[in-house]
N, C-alpha and C. Protein backbone atom coordinates (compact mmCIF):
# COMPACT_ATOMS: atom_id res chain seq x y z
N PHE A 1 33.89 46.27 24.15
CA PHE A 1 33.17 45.10 24.37
C PHE A 1 32.24 45.05 23.26
N ALA A 2 31.74 43.94 22.88
CA ALA A 2 30.42 44.20 22.32
C ALA A 2 29.10 43.75 23.60
N ARG A 3 28.83 44.61 24.33
CA ARG A 3 27.88 43.84 25.63
C ARG A 3 26.93 43.51 25.06
N ASP A 4 26.03 44.04 23.98
CA ASP A 4 24.58 43.13 23.84
C ASP A 4 24.48 41.69 23.28
N ALA A 5 25.74 41.73 22.32
CA ALA A 5 26.76 40.20 21.96
C ALA A 5 27.11 39.69 22.90
N LEU A 6 27.38 40.08 24.19
CA LEU A 6 28.15 39.24 25.05
C LEU A 6 26.98 38.91 26.13
N ILE A 7 25.51 39.93 26.14
CA ILE A 7 24.87 39.33 26.85
C ILE A 7 24.01 38.19 26.29
N ASN A 8 23.48 37.79 24.89
CA ASN A 8 23.13 36.87 24.38
C ASN A 8 23.76 35.48 24.46
N ALA A 9 25.40 35.96 24.56
CA ALA A 9 26.41 34.66 24.39
C ALA A 9 26.42 34.03 25.93
N LEU A 10 25.91 34.72 26.65
CA LEU A 10 25.66 34.95 27.91
C LEU A 10 24.56 33.81 28.35
N ALA A 11 23.50 34.85 27.72
CA ALA A 11 22.29 34.69 28.04
C ALA A 11 21.82 32.74 27.45
N THR A 12 22.36 32.49 26.01
CA THR A 12 22.61 31.19 25.40
C THR A 12 22.95 29.92 26.86
N ARG A 13 24.20 30.23 27.21
CA ARG A 13 25.18 29.67 27.86
C ARG A 13 24.02 28.67 30.28
N ILE A 14 24.06 30.73 30.10
CA ILE A 14 23.43 30.65 31.83
C ILE A 14 22.19 30.40 31.78
N ALA A 15 21.19 29.57 32.78
CA ALA A 15 19.99 29.47 33.50
C ALA A 15 19.66 30.74 33.30
N PRO A 16 17.99 31.10 32.67
CA PRO A 16 17.03 32.09 33.21
C PRO A 16 17.28 32.56 34.74
N GLY A 17 17.49 33.82 34.10
CA GLY A 17 17.54 34.39 36.29
C GLY A 17 19.01 34.37 36.70
N ARG A 18 19.87 34.12 36.04
CA ARG A 18 21.28 33.89 36.60
C ARG A 18 22.21 35.16 36.05
N LEU A 19 21.55 36.00 35.45
CA LEU A 19 22.76 37.18 34.73
C LEU A 19 21.90 38.20 35.61
N ILE A 20 22.02 38.69 36.34
CA ILE A 20 22.09 39.97 37.38
C ILE A 20 22.69 41.14 36.47
N LEU A 21 22.18 42.44 35.70
CA LEU A 21 22.25 42.81 34.75
C LEU A 21 21.91 44.27 35.65
N GLU A 22 20.82 44.78 36.23
CA GLU A 22 20.01 46.04 36.15
C GLU A 22 20.83 46.62 37.24
N THR A 23 21.11 48.15 37.15
CA THR A 23 22.04 48.55 37.94
C THR A 23 21.71 48.97 38.87
N SER A 24 20.28 48.66 39.52
CA SER A 24 19.60 48.72 41.06
C SER A 24 19.50 47.09 41.54
N ALA A 25 19.70 46.35 40.59
CA ALA A 25 19.79 44.88 41.48
C ALA A 25 21.32 44.59 41.26
N LEU A 26 22.41 45.84 40.77
CA LEU A 26 23.85 45.09 40.67
C LEU A 26 23.65 46.37 41.96
N ALA A 27 23.39 46.93 42.59
CA ALA A 27 24.06 47.51 43.70
C ALA A 27 23.16 47.27 45.07
N GLN A 28 22.06 46.21 44.98
CA GLN A 28 21.74 46.06 45.96
C GLN A 28 22.34 44.55 46.29
N TRP A 29 22.67 43.80 45.02
CA TRP A 29 23.82 42.38 45.47
C TRP A 29 25.16 43.28 45.84
N ALA A 30 25.64 44.34 45.16
CA ALA A 30 27.19 44.22 45.79
C ALA A 30 27.20 45.47 47.06
N ALA A 31 25.98 44.79 47.94
CA ALA A 31 26.06 45.84 49.34
C ALA A 31 26.65 45.95 50.23
N THR A 32 27.81 46.32 50.56
CA THR A 32 29.02 45.82 51.65
C THR A 32 29.61 46.89 52.67
N THR A 33 30.33 46.13 53.67
CA THR A 33 30.44 46.56 54.38
C THR A 33 31.62 48.42 54.63
N HIS A 34 32.33 48.65 53.44
CA HIS A 34 33.91 48.99 53.00
C HIS A 34 33.10 50.25 51.40
N PRO A 35 33.43 50.96 51.87
CA PRO A 35 33.27 51.81 50.31
C PRO A 35 33.88 51.20 49.00
N VAL A 36 32.98 51.12 48.06
CA VAL A 36 33.19 50.98 46.97
C VAL A 36 33.38 51.91 46.02
N SER A 37 34.08 51.60 44.67
CA SER A 37 34.66 52.29 43.47
C SER A 37 33.72 52.25 42.66
N SER A 38 33.08 51.63 42.43
CA SER A 38 32.78 51.17 41.22
C SER A 38 32.03 49.23 41.15
N LEU A 39 31.01 49.87 40.69
CA LEU A 39 29.93 48.23 41.36
C LEU A 39 29.81 47.23 39.99
N PRO A 40 30.38 45.97 39.63
CA PRO A 40 30.60 44.97 38.72
C PRO A 40 29.12 45.40 37.69
N GLN A 41 29.83 45.08 36.07
CA GLN A 41 28.37 45.67 35.38
C GLN A 41 27.52 44.77 35.05
N ILE A 42 28.54 42.99 35.39
CA ILE A 42 27.44 41.76 35.41
C ILE A 42 28.08 40.79 36.41
N VAL A 43 26.89 40.49 36.85
CA VAL A 43 27.10 39.05 37.60
C VAL A 43 26.20 38.07 37.42
N ILE A 44 26.80 36.54 37.45
CA ILE A 44 26.25 35.50 36.79
C ILE A 44 26.38 34.78 37.99
N VAL A 45 25.25 34.18 38.27
CA VAL A 45 25.23 32.89 39.70
C VAL A 45 24.97 31.58 38.45
N PRO A 46 25.72 31.46 38.13
CA PRO A 46 26.15 29.84 37.71
C PRO A 46 25.30 28.78 38.78
N GLY A 47 24.53 27.62 38.13
CA GLY A 47 23.80 26.54 38.93
C GLY A 47 24.71 25.45 38.86
N ASP A 48 25.63 25.76 38.37
CA ASP A 48 26.31 23.61 38.28
C ASP A 48 27.97 24.72 37.68
N ARG A 49 29.11 23.41 37.28
CA ARG A 49 30.27 23.30 37.25
C ARG A 49 29.77 23.73 36.08
N ALA A 50 28.89 22.96 35.15
CA ALA A 50 29.21 23.50 33.46
C ALA A 50 28.38 25.07 33.20
N GLN A 51 27.71 25.83 33.29
CA GLN A 51 27.50 26.51 33.28
C GLN A 51 28.56 27.95 34.11
N THR A 52 29.13 27.04 35.12
CA THR A 52 30.45 27.83 35.47
C THR A 52 31.22 28.64 34.06
N ILE A 53 31.26 27.03 33.63
CA ILE A 53 32.57 26.94 32.64
C ILE A 53 32.16 27.52 31.09
N ALA A 54 31.01 27.85 31.47
CA ALA A 54 30.50 27.77 29.89
C ALA A 54 30.31 29.57 30.13
N ALA A 55 30.29 30.36 31.40
CA ALA A 55 30.20 31.85 31.08
C ALA A 55 31.57 32.35 31.14
N VAL A 56 32.83 31.65 32.02
CA VAL A 56 33.79 31.78 31.91
C VAL A 56 34.22 32.06 30.36
N ARG A 57 34.13 31.10 29.68
CA ARG A 57 34.22 31.05 28.35
C ARG A 57 33.83 32.39 27.50
N ALA A 58 32.18 32.43 28.25
CA ALA A 58 32.00 33.50 26.87
C ALA A 58 32.56 34.16 27.24
N LEU A 59 33.19 34.60 28.62
CA LEU A 59 33.63 35.85 28.74
C LEU A 59 35.39 35.93 28.28
N ALA A 60 35.92 35.28 27.65
CA ALA A 60 37.47 35.07 27.51
C ALA A 60 37.01 36.07 26.15
N GLY A 61 38.07 36.94 25.95
CA GLY A 61 38.54 37.55 24.85
C GLY A 61 37.65 38.83 25.14
N SER A 62 36.66 39.32 25.95
CA SER A 62 35.53 40.13 26.09
C SER A 62 36.50 41.43 26.43
N GLY A 63 37.61 41.39 27.69
CA GLY A 63 38.34 42.23 28.23
C GLY A 63 38.37 42.91 29.57
N LEU A 64 37.19 42.18 29.75
CA LEU A 64 36.04 42.27 30.87
C LEU A 64 36.82 41.76 32.07
N SER A 65 37.39 42.08 33.60
CA SER A 65 37.77 41.40 34.68
C SER A 65 37.25 40.78 34.94
N ILE A 66 37.27 40.15 35.38
CA ILE A 66 36.65 38.55 36.49
C ILE A 66 36.84 38.46 37.72
N SER A 67 35.09 38.46 38.96
CA SER A 67 36.20 37.54 39.95
C SER A 67 35.11 36.62 40.26
N ALA A 68 35.66 36.03 41.23
CA ALA A 68 34.66 34.96 41.72
C ALA A 68 34.69 34.75 42.99
N ILE A 69 33.55 34.71 43.25
CA ILE A 69 32.71 34.47 44.83
C ILE A 69 32.60 33.18 44.93
N GLY A 70 33.18 32.16 46.44
CA GLY A 70 32.17 31.32 47.13
C GLY A 70 30.83 31.44 47.68
N ARG A 71 31.07 32.51 48.86
CA ARG A 71 29.64 32.54 49.12
C ARG A 71 29.66 34.54 49.59
N GLY A 72 30.90 34.66 49.29
CA GLY A 72 31.09 36.79 49.53
C GLY A 72 30.81 36.36 51.12
N MET A 73 31.29 36.15 52.22
CA MET A 73 31.85 36.33 53.02
C MET A 73 32.80 36.86 53.88
N ASN A 74 34.34 36.40 52.77
CA ASN A 74 35.31 36.77 52.97
C ASN A 74 35.83 38.51 52.97
N ILE A 75 35.28 38.91 52.41
CA ILE A 75 35.93 39.66 52.07
C ILE A 75 35.19 41.42 53.09
N GLY A 76 36.50 41.77 53.75
CA GLY A 76 35.55 43.75 54.48
C GLY A 76 34.13 42.77 55.18
N LEU A 77 34.58 42.06 55.88
CA LEU A 77 34.14 41.83 57.31
C LEU A 77 32.31 41.50 56.96
N GLY A 78 32.30 40.49 55.49
CA GLY A 78 30.47 40.14 55.03
C GLY A 78 30.68 40.99 54.16
N GLY A 79 31.43 41.99 53.18
CA GLY A 79 31.07 42.02 51.78
C GLY A 79 31.27 40.98 50.50
N ARG A 80 30.59 41.25 49.43
CA ARG A 80 31.11 40.04 48.64
C ARG A 80 32.01 40.47 47.33
N ILE A 81 32.59 42.08 47.61
CA ILE A 81 33.04 42.37 46.55
C ILE A 81 34.21 43.27 47.47
N GLY A 82 35.39 43.63 46.76
CA GLY A 82 36.28 44.16 47.00
C GLY A 82 36.30 45.33 46.81
N PRO A 83 36.77 46.78 47.60
CA PRO A 83 37.22 47.98 47.28
C PRO A 83 36.79 48.37 45.46
N THR A 84 38.02 47.77 45.11
CA THR A 84 38.22 47.73 43.71
C THR A 84 37.09 46.93 42.57
N SER A 85 36.05 46.70 42.72
CA SER A 85 35.26 45.61 41.65
C SER A 85 35.48 44.92 40.33
N ALA A 86 35.57 44.07 39.59
CA ALA A 86 35.64 43.62 39.39
C ALA A 86 34.40 44.05 37.77
N ASP A 87 35.17 44.02 36.94
CA ASP A 87 33.04 43.92 35.47
C ASP A 87 32.80 43.20 35.90
N VAL A 88 33.34 41.43 36.42
CA VAL A 88 31.34 40.67 36.48
C VAL A 88 32.55 39.46 37.38
N VAL A 89 31.36 39.06 38.21
CA VAL A 89 31.55 38.61 39.31
C VAL A 89 30.79 37.26 38.97
N LEU A 90 31.78 36.28 39.34
CA LEU A 90 31.03 34.82 39.14
C LEU A 90 30.14 34.86 40.60
N ASP A 91 29.65 34.63 41.12
CA ASP A 91 29.08 34.78 42.61
C ASP A 91 28.61 32.91 42.80
N LEU A 92 29.53 31.72 43.00
CA LEU A 92 29.42 30.36 42.76
C LEU A 92 28.83 30.18 44.32
N ASN A 93 28.11 30.86 45.12
CA ASN A 93 26.93 30.43 46.01
C ASN A 93 26.32 29.17 45.97
N GLU A 94 25.73 29.01 44.79
CA GLU A 94 24.82 27.87 44.90
C GLU A 94 26.03 26.67 44.00
N LEU A 95 26.79 26.50 44.36
CA LEU A 95 27.98 25.40 44.51
C LEU A 95 28.50 25.07 45.61
N ARG A 96 27.14 23.91 46.09
CA ARG A 96 27.18 23.90 47.16
C ARG A 96 27.10 22.19 47.50
N VAL A 97 28.55 21.81 47.02
CA VAL A 97 27.88 20.01 47.47
C VAL A 97 29.14 19.48 48.16
N ILE A 98 29.18 18.94 48.25
CA ILE A 98 30.62 18.25 48.75
C ILE A 98 30.50 16.53 48.43
N ARG A 99 31.52 16.37 47.21
CA ARG A 99 31.68 15.54 46.16
C ARG A 99 31.96 14.28 47.10
N SER A 100 33.15 14.67 47.89
CA SER A 100 33.03 13.18 48.31
C SER A 100 33.71 13.61 49.34
N TYR A 101 33.81 12.31 50.56
CA TYR A 101 35.01 12.15 51.47
C TYR A 101 35.74 11.38 51.64
N ASP A 102 36.82 11.74 52.36
CA ASP A 102 37.32 10.16 52.67
C ASP A 102 37.48 9.85 54.34
N SER A 103 36.56 9.43 55.01
CA SER A 103 36.57 9.07 56.65
C SER A 103 37.59 8.85 57.00
N VAL A 104 38.62 7.91 56.19
CA VAL A 104 39.64 7.63 56.89
C VAL A 104 41.07 8.93 57.78
N PHE A 105 41.43 9.30 55.90
CA PHE A 105 42.34 10.53 56.15
C PHE A 105 41.57 11.69 56.54
N GLY A 106 39.95 12.60 56.38
CA GLY A 106 39.87 13.80 56.77
C GLY A 106 39.61 14.68 55.37
N VAL A 107 39.72 13.26 54.06
CA VAL A 107 39.72 14.69 52.96
C VAL A 107 38.51 14.90 52.24
N LEU A 108 37.95 16.23 52.33
CA LEU A 108 36.66 16.47 50.96
C LEU A 108 36.59 17.26 50.06
N ASP A 109 35.83 17.14 49.26
CA ASP A 109 35.81 17.56 47.92
C ASP A 109 34.94 18.20 47.92
N VAL A 110 34.91 19.67 48.00
CA VAL A 110 33.61 20.60 48.04
C VAL A 110 33.87 21.28 46.73
N GLU A 111 32.82 21.74 46.18
CA GLU A 111 32.43 22.79 45.69
C GLU A 111 32.93 23.72 46.31
N PRO A 112 32.61 25.70 45.46
CA PRO A 112 33.38 26.74 45.86
C PRO A 112 32.29 27.50 47.36
N GLY A 113 30.84 27.43 47.17
CA GLY A 113 29.94 27.69 47.90
C GLY A 113 29.79 26.57 48.73
N VAL A 114 30.38 26.32 49.38
CA VAL A 114 30.62 24.89 50.56
C VAL A 114 31.32 25.55 51.68
N SER A 115 29.77 25.85 52.40
CA SER A 115 30.49 26.87 53.74
C SER A 115 30.74 26.38 55.55
N PHE A 116 31.49 26.98 55.78
CA PHE A 116 32.33 26.33 57.16
C PHE A 116 31.14 25.16 57.54
N HIS A 117 29.82 26.34 57.52
CA HIS A 117 28.18 25.67 58.02
C HIS A 117 28.70 24.21 57.97
N ASP A 118 28.70 24.10 56.44
CA ASP A 118 27.88 22.80 55.89
C ASP A 118 28.71 21.87 56.36
N VAL A 119 30.21 22.28 56.25
CA VAL A 119 30.93 21.20 56.65
C VAL A 119 31.26 20.70 58.27
N HIS A 120 30.47 21.67 58.48
CA HIS A 120 30.28 20.80 60.42
C HIS A 120 29.19 20.17 60.18
N GLU A 121 28.05 20.57 59.65
CA GLU A 121 27.01 19.75 59.91
C GLU A 121 26.74 18.53 59.49
N PHE A 122 27.96 18.55 58.25
CA PHE A 122 28.45 17.10 57.29
C PHE A 122 29.18 16.14 58.22
N LEU A 123 30.10 16.39 58.69
CA LEU A 123 31.03 15.60 59.64
C LEU A 123 30.49 15.01 60.74
N ARG A 124 29.41 15.98 61.53
CA ARG A 124 28.33 15.68 62.85
C ARG A 124 27.34 15.31 61.92
N ALA A 125 27.01 14.91 60.77
CA ALA A 125 26.15 13.62 60.74
C ALA A 125 26.64 12.58 60.57
N ARG A 126 27.81 12.24 60.08
CA ARG A 126 29.04 10.92 60.08
C ARG A 126 29.38 10.95 61.12
N GLN A 127 29.27 11.26 62.13
CA GLN A 127 30.00 11.50 63.52
C GLN A 127 31.39 11.51 63.26
N SER A 128 32.65 12.18 62.44
CA SER A 128 33.46 11.51 61.84
C SER A 128 34.25 12.31 63.20
N ARG A 129 35.41 11.85 63.34
CA ARG A 129 36.38 12.64 64.41
C ARG A 129 37.61 14.02 63.68
N PHE A 130 36.91 14.12 62.68
CA PHE A 130 37.91 16.04 62.18
C PHE A 130 36.48 16.60 62.23
N PHE A 131 37.02 17.88 62.28
CA PHE A 131 36.38 19.23 61.80
C PHE A 131 36.90 19.96 61.33
N ALA A 132 36.50 21.01 60.79
CA ALA A 132 37.11 22.11 59.64
C ALA A 132 37.45 23.24 60.85
N PRO A 133 38.64 23.83 61.04
CA PRO A 133 38.95 24.52 62.02
C PRO A 133 38.07 25.89 62.65
N ALA A 134 37.84 26.51 63.34
CA ALA A 134 36.60 28.09 63.45
C ALA A 134 38.04 29.24 62.82
N ILE A 135 36.93 29.77 62.49
CA ILE A 135 37.62 31.03 61.62
C ILE A 135 37.00 31.96 62.51
N GLY A 136 37.58 33.15 62.03
CA GLY A 136 37.81 34.73 62.41
C GLY A 136 35.97 35.19 62.00
N GLY A 137 35.56 35.07 60.91
CA GLY A 137 34.66 35.29 60.60
C GLY A 137 33.22 34.47 60.32
N PRO A 138 32.31 34.31 59.73
CA PRO A 138 30.78 33.60 59.72
C PRO A 138 30.82 32.60 59.79
N ALA A 139 29.66 31.43 60.21
CA ALA A 139 30.60 30.33 60.00
C ALA A 139 29.85 30.31 58.37
N ASP A 140 29.01 30.76 57.96
CA ASP A 140 28.44 30.63 56.41
C ASP A 140 29.79 31.00 55.46
N ALA A 141 30.56 31.50 55.39
CA ALA A 141 31.71 31.64 54.81
C ALA A 141 32.17 30.76 54.21
N SER A 142 32.52 30.97 52.99
CA SER A 142 32.96 29.99 52.09
C SER A 142 34.62 28.93 52.79
N LEU A 143 34.48 27.59 52.84
CA LEU A 143 35.57 27.03 52.99
C LEU A 143 36.79 27.53 51.92
N ILE A 144 36.04 27.11 50.09
CA ILE A 144 37.17 27.72 49.46
C ILE A 144 37.41 29.38 49.11
N GLY A 145 36.67 29.97 49.93
CA GLY A 145 37.00 31.74 49.57
C GLY A 145 37.73 31.99 50.99
N ASN A 146 37.67 31.11 51.91
CA ASN A 146 38.43 31.57 53.78
C ASN A 146 39.85 31.33 52.79
N LEU A 147 39.97 29.87 52.07
CA LEU A 147 41.61 29.26 52.00
C LEU A 147 42.03 29.99 50.75
N LEU A 148 41.66 30.79 50.16
CA LEU A 148 42.08 31.01 49.12
C LEU A 148 42.34 32.21 49.19
N GLN A 149 42.03 32.94 50.65
CA GLN A 149 42.09 34.58 51.13
C GLN A 149 42.77 34.33 52.25
N ARG A 150 43.84 33.58 52.61
CA ARG A 150 44.75 33.25 53.18
C ARG A 150 44.06 33.82 54.82
N GLY A 151 42.30 33.20 55.48
CA GLY A 151 41.68 33.53 56.17
C GLY A 151 42.32 32.76 57.18
N GLU A 152 42.19 33.15 58.63
CA GLU A 152 42.45 33.26 59.31
C GLU A 152 42.32 31.81 60.12
N GLY A 153 42.56 30.89 60.82
CA GLY A 153 41.46 29.70 61.66
C GLY A 153 42.85 29.37 62.68
N CYS A 154 42.15 28.72 63.67
CA CYS A 154 42.59 28.42 65.09
C CYS A 154 42.75 26.44 65.01
N GLY A 155 43.75 26.27 65.64
CA GLY A 155 43.37 25.11 65.71
C GLY A 155 44.73 24.27 65.18
N PRO A 156 44.32 22.66 65.66
CA PRO A 156 45.03 21.86 64.30
C PRO A 156 44.75 21.92 62.97
N GLY A 157 45.25 22.03 61.87
CA GLY A 157 44.62 22.48 61.17
C GLY A 157 43.98 23.73 60.25
N GLY A 158 44.78 23.97 61.00
CA GLY A 158 44.13 25.99 61.04
C GLY A 158 44.73 26.58 60.05
N ASP A 159 45.93 26.26 59.20
CA ASP A 159 46.43 26.77 58.01
C ASP A 159 45.60 26.20 56.99
N ARG A 160 44.65 26.36 56.45
CA ARG A 160 43.73 26.06 55.39
C ARG A 160 44.15 25.07 54.03
N LEU A 161 45.13 26.30 53.85
CA LEU A 161 45.78 26.09 52.44
C LEU A 161 47.06 25.24 52.36
N ALA A 162 47.71 25.00 53.76
CA ALA A 162 48.79 24.10 54.02
C ALA A 162 47.63 22.08 53.43
N GLY A 163 46.50 22.66 53.93
CA GLY A 163 45.98 21.32 53.62
C GLY A 163 45.13 20.80 52.07
N LEU A 164 45.62 22.02 51.85
CA LEU A 164 45.32 22.01 49.87
C LEU A 164 45.47 20.59 49.40
N ILE A 165 44.58 19.77 49.24
CA ILE A 165 46.00 19.56 47.99
C ILE A 165 45.23 19.00 46.69
N GLU A 166 44.49 19.51 46.31
CA GLU A 166 43.89 19.87 44.33
C GLU A 166 42.98 21.10 44.25
N LEU A 167 43.09 21.82 43.21
CA LEU A 167 42.51 22.55 43.33
C LEU A 167 42.14 22.49 41.52
N GLU A 168 40.64 22.77 41.21
CA GLU A 168 40.01 22.46 39.89
C GLU A 168 39.92 24.55 39.37
N ALA A 169 40.72 24.75 38.66
CA ALA A 169 40.28 25.99 38.26
C ALA A 169 39.64 26.40 36.94
N VAL A 170 38.84 27.39 36.68
CA VAL A 170 38.14 27.39 35.19
C VAL A 170 39.14 28.74 34.94
N THR A 171 39.25 28.61 33.74
CA THR A 171 40.18 29.59 32.43
C THR A 171 39.17 29.47 30.68
N PRO A 172 39.39 30.80 30.32
CA PRO A 172 39.27 30.70 29.27
C PRO A 172 39.84 29.74 28.24
């Protein structure tokens, strides 16, 4: 792939400061609790849905592998990347909006960076009878990341994947 051309294409689509390219910054960003075989070449931290879509489209055809994280708390007891890293990581941590809530059925529409803590606070502020089941990881873990990783849950609704109604995926 033509790195400079790709970086220029990303820079025109992604807000300034949201591309992590320097080796030292990548190493610090990818610090984890388990050994890793390689660091990502690029980390992209989109500020919204449109930047996420633009980044994926810019990466299409580059031949680079892409991995996305919601909060980066569901891998290796707090690591943001797995033992074998993708070439590009989309860090969706800042996409933290709870878009809608159905108080009758307890349905939430959330972005990938919404944490269990965010959901807890959101439901508590509305004095909801619903709750997000406890997990084996930190409260700052992404609801969507934990669901997609088949994370452990307990109590009623502990199997979050069984409660999934719809999932939006971005493809090139």
